[in-house]
Amino acid sequence: MSKIVRSVRAPLILAIVLLGATPVLAADATPARVDSSQPTAIVYPPTAQVAGEQGTVIVDVFVGTNGKVSRYAIAKSSGFDDLDNAALESVMNWHYVPASRDGDTVGDWAQVNVVYKLPN
């Protein structure tokens, strides 16, 4: 899968970020997750807002031992290409806490939901 790289000069709008389902882990294991102590700005393309596009993008990310995403895939599309691409751009710029097992930091997959909702 190729990495999507593009420049967005649109203003950042906060949207809802939810962690997806977490696999069942042993008592001495923690899953990879978004670092909630860091900002999680979401790119919401102005053209998508004007067009009234809303939806949820579910993204699978592989978080390495350094907390950086090295692989990603859209698990569920919003139905809009521009929102899907913006979600990928957003999650690639977030900070993550890597998974751990038996006290060791390990790379693992996490799932994040990026919800785009227009203000009322």
C-alpha atoms as a PDB file:
ATOM      1  CA  MET A   1       0.000   0.000   0.000  1.00  0.00           C
ATOM      2  CA  SER A   2       1.467   3.359  -0.939  1.00  0.00           C
ATOM      3  CA  LYS A   3       1.566   6.231   1.470  1.00  0.00           C
ATOM      4  CA  ILE A   4      -0.728   9.135   0.647  1.00  0.00           C
ATOM      5  CA  VAL A   5       1.171  12.395   0.821  1.00  0.00           C
ATOM      6  CA  ARG A   6      -0.435  15.716   0.084  1.00  0.00           C
ATOM      7  CA  SER A   7      -0.390  19.224   1.375  1.00  0.00           C
ATOM      8  CA  VAL A   8      -3.479  20.618   3.035  1.00  0.00           C
ATOM      9  CA  ARG A   9      -3.682  24.279   3.783  1.00  0.00           C
ATOM     10  CA  ALA A  10      -7.245  24.064   5.078  1.00  0.00           C
ATOM     11  CA  PRO A  11      -7.974  25.036   8.685  1.00  0.00           C
ATOM     12  CA  LEU A  12      -7.972  22.203  11.157  1.00  0.00           C
ATOM     13  CA  ILE A  13     -11.295  21.453  12.765  1.00  0.00           C
ATOM     14  CA  LEU A  14     -11.624  19.219  15.752  1.00  0.00           C
ATOM     15  CA  ALA A  15     -13.735  16.156  15.234  1.00  0.00           C
ATOM     16  CA  ILE A  16     -14.452  13.184  17.436  1.00  0.00           C
ATOM     17  CA  VAL A  17     -11.726  10.566  17.731  1.00  0.00           C
ATOM     18  CA  LEU A  18     -12.708   7.210  19.164  1.00  0.00           C
ATOM     19  CA  LEU A  19     -10.592   4.167  19.727  1.00  0.00           C
ATOM     20  CA  GLY A  20     -11.952   1.122  18.013  1.00  0.00           C
ATOM     21  CA  ALA A  21     -12.492  -2.293  19.454  1.00  0.00           C
ATOM     22  CA  THR A  22      -9.540  -3.644  21.380  1.00  0.00           C
ATOM     23  CA  PRO A  23      -8.560  -7.300  21.204  1.00  0.00           C
ATOM     24  CA  VAL A  24      -8.646  -9.332  24.405  1.00  0.00           C
ATOM     25  CA  LEU A  25      -5.196  -9.110  25.998  1.00  0.00           C
ATOM     26  CA  ALA A  26      -3.420 -10.911  28.782  1.00  0.00           C
ATOM     27  CA  ALA A  27      -3.352  -9.163  32.152  1.00  0.00           C
ATOM     28  CA  ASP A  28       0.268  -8.087  31.556  1.00  0.00           C
ATOM     29  CA  ALA A  29      -0.406  -6.540  28.149  1.00  0.00           C
ATOM     30  CA  THR A  30      -1.643  -3.130  27.010  1.00  0.00           C
ATOM     31  CA  PRO A  31      -2.822  -2.286  23.494  1.00  0.00           C
ATOM     32  CA  ALA A  32      -1.370   0.391  21.236  1.00  0.00           C
ATOM     33  CA  ARG A  33      -3.446   3.554  21.476  1.00  0.00           C
ATOM     34  CA  VAL A  34      -3.663   7.215  20.597  1.00  0.00           C
ATOM     35  CA  ASP A  35      -1.701   9.304  23.108  1.00  0.00           C
ATOM     36  CA  SER A  36      -4.531  11.311  24.663  1.00  0.00           C
ATOM     37  CA  SER A  37      -2.062  13.740  26.254  1.00  0.00           C
ATOM     38  CA  GLN A  38      -1.185  15.065  22.785  1.00  0.00           C
ATOM     39  CA  PRO A  39      -3.412  17.033  20.394  1.00  0.00           C
ATOM     40  CA  THR A  40      -5.346  15.004  17.824  1.00  0.00           C
ATOM     41  CA  ALA A  41      -6.224  17.638  15.248  1.00  0.00           C
ATOM     42  CA  ILE A  42      -8.414  16.432  12.413  1.00  0.00           C
ATOM     43  CA  VAL A  43      -8.248  17.743   8.872  1.00  0.00           C
ATOM     44  CA  TYR A  44     -11.821  18.434   7.683  1.00  0.00           C
ATOM     45  CA  PRO A  45     -11.529  19.592   4.062  1.00  0.00           C
ATOM     46  CA  PRO A  46     -13.465  22.835   3.465  1.00  0.00           C
ATOM     47  CA  THR A  47     -14.837  21.441   0.193  1.00  0.00           C
ATOM     48  CA  ALA A  48     -16.256  18.473   2.101  1.00  0.00           C
ATOM     49  CA  GLN A  49     -17.894  20.802   4.602  1.00  0.00           C
ATOM     50  CA  VAL A  50     -19.452  22.937   1.872  1.00  0.00           C
ATOM     51  CA  ALA A  51     -20.718  19.763   0.162  1.00  0.00           C
ATOM     52  CA  GLY A  52     -22.275  18.649   3.469  1.00  0.00           C
ATOM     53  CA  GLU A  53     -20.128  15.522   3.684  1.00  0.00           C
ATOM     54  CA  GLN A  54     -20.158  13.750   7.043  1.00  0.00           C
ATOM     55  CA  GLY A  55     -19.234  10.270   8.140  1.00  0.00           C
ATOM     56  CA  THR A  56     -16.904   7.984  10.039  1.00  0.00           C
ATOM     57  CA  VAL A  57     -13.619   6.603   8.758  1.00  0.00           C
ATOM     58  CA  ILE A  58     -12.222   3.581  10.591  1.00  0.00           C
ATOM     59  CA  VAL A  59      -8.455   3.321  10.187  1.00  0.00           C
ATOM     60  CA  ASP A  60      -6.202   0.416  11.193  1.00  0.00           C
ATOM     61  CA  VAL A  61      -2.705   1.639  12.142  1.00  0.00           C
ATOM     62  CA  PHE A  62       0.398  -0.363  12.997  1.00  0.00           C
ATOM     63  CA  VAL A  63       2.135   1.430  15.870  1.00  0.00           C
ATOM     64  CA  GLY A  64       5.835   0.586  16.131  1.00  0.00           C
ATOM     65  CA  THR A  65       7.848   0.404  19.324  1.00  0.00           C
ATOM     66  CA  ASN A  66       8.781   4.064  18.794  1.00  0.00           C
ATOM     67  CA  GLY A  67       5.106   5.112  18.830  1.00  0.00           C
ATOM     68  CA  LYS A  68       5.109   5.980  15.118  1.00  0.00           C
ATOM     69  CA  VAL A  69       2.686   4.589  12.559  1.00  0.00           C
ATOM     70  CA  SER A  70       4.483   2.536   9.934  1.00  0.00           C
ATOM     71  CA  ARG A  71       1.494   0.957   8.179  1.00  0.00           C
ATOM     72  CA  TYR A  72      -2.149   1.852   7.842  1.00  0.00           C
ATOM     73  CA  ALA A  73      -5.296   0.839   6.026  1.00  0.00           C
ATOM     74  CA  ILE A  74      -8.850   2.063   5.827  1.00  0.00           C
ATOM     75  CA  ALA A  75     -10.984  -0.593   7.504  1.00  0.00           C
ATOM     76  CA  LYS A  76     -14.229   1.259   6.717  1.00  0.00           C
ATOM     77  CA  SER A  77     -14.698   4.168   4.342  1.00  0.00           C
ATOM     78  CA  SER A  78     -16.861   7.196   5.061  1.00  0.00           C
ATOM     79  CA  GLY A  79     -18.110   6.913   1.493  1.00  0.00           C
ATOM     80  CA  PHE A  80     -16.275  10.108   0.543  1.00  0.00           C
ATOM     81  CA  ASP A  81     -12.724   9.969  -0.863  1.00  0.00           C
ATOM     82  CA  ASP A  82     -11.772  13.389   0.470  1.00  0.00           C
ATOM     83  CA  LEU A  83     -12.820  12.491   4.037  1.00  0.00           C
ATOM     84  CA  ASP A  84     -11.015   9.128   3.810  1.00  0.00           C
ATOM     85  CA  ASN A  85      -7.796  10.808   2.609  1.00  0.00           C
ATOM     86  CA  ALA A  86      -8.087  13.537   5.254  1.00  0.00           C
ATOM     87  CA  ALA A  87      -8.551  10.887   7.958  1.00  0.00           C
ATOM     88  CA  LEU A  88      -5.380   9.103   6.823  1.00  0.00           C
ATOM     89  CA  GLU A  89      -3.460  12.367   6.846  1.00  0.00           C
ATOM     90  CA  SER A  90      -4.766  13.155  10.322  1.00  0.00           C
ATOM     91  CA  VAL A  91      -3.994   9.815  11.976  1.00  0.00           C
ATOM     92  CA  MET A  92      -0.503   9.740  10.467  1.00  0.00           C
ATOM     93  CA  ASN A  93       0.293  12.963  12.350  1.00  0.00           C
ATOM     94  CA  TRP A  94      -0.983  11.886  15.748  1.00  0.00           C
ATOM     95  CA  HIS A  95       1.153  10.600  18.609  1.00  0.00           C
ATOM     96  CA  TYR A  96       0.666   7.032  19.825  1.00  0.00           C
ATOM     97  CA  VAL A  97       1.591   4.957  22.849  1.00  0.00           C
ATOM     98  CA  PRO A  98       2.975   1.595  21.690  1.00  0.00           C
ATOM     99  CA  ALA A  99       1.599  -1.706  22.936  1.00  0.00           C
ATOM    100  CA  SER A 100       3.371  -3.668  25.647  1.00  0.00           C
ATOM    101  CA  ARG A 101       3.505  -7.350  26.530  1.00  0.00           C
ATOM    102  CA  ASP A 102       5.281  -8.876  29.512  1.00  0.00           C
ATOM    103  CA  GLY A 103       6.807  -5.472  30.249  1.00  0.00           C
ATOM    104  CA  ASP A 104       8.299  -5.106  26.755  1.00  0.00           C
ATOM    105  CA  THR A 105       7.269  -2.475  24.236  1.00  0.00           C
ATOM    106  CA  VAL A 106       6.027  -4.138  21.045  1.00  0.00           C
ATOM    107  CA  GLY A 107       4.647  -3.048  17.707  1.00  0.00           C
ATOM    108  CA  ASP A 108       0.957  -3.811  17.240  1.00  0.00           C
ATOM    109  CA  TRP A 109      -2.166  -2.800  15.365  1.00  0.00           C
ATOM    110  CA  ALA A 110      -4.711  -0.341  16.729  1.00  0.00           C
ATOM    111  CA  GLN A 111      -7.965   0.867  15.263  1.00  0.00           C
ATOM    112  CA  VAL A 112      -9.124   4.465  15.392  1.00  0.00           C
ATOM    113  CA  ASN A 113     -12.396   6.026  14.330  1.00  0.00           C
ATOM    114  CA  VAL A 114     -12.360   9.503  12.827  1.00  0.00           C
ATOM    115  CA  VAL A 115     -15.812  11.052  12.916  1.00  0.00           C
ATOM    116  CA  TYR A 116     -16.639  14.006  10.675  1.00  0.00           C
ATOM    117  CA  LYS A 117     -19.751  15.883  11.770  1.00  0.00           C
ATOM    118  CA  LEU A 118     -20.781  19.332  10.644  1.00  0.00           C
ATOM    119  CA  PRO A 119     -21.641  21.821  13.368  1.00  0.00           C
ATOM    120  CA  ASN A 120     -25.362  22.369  13.913  1.00  0.00           C
END
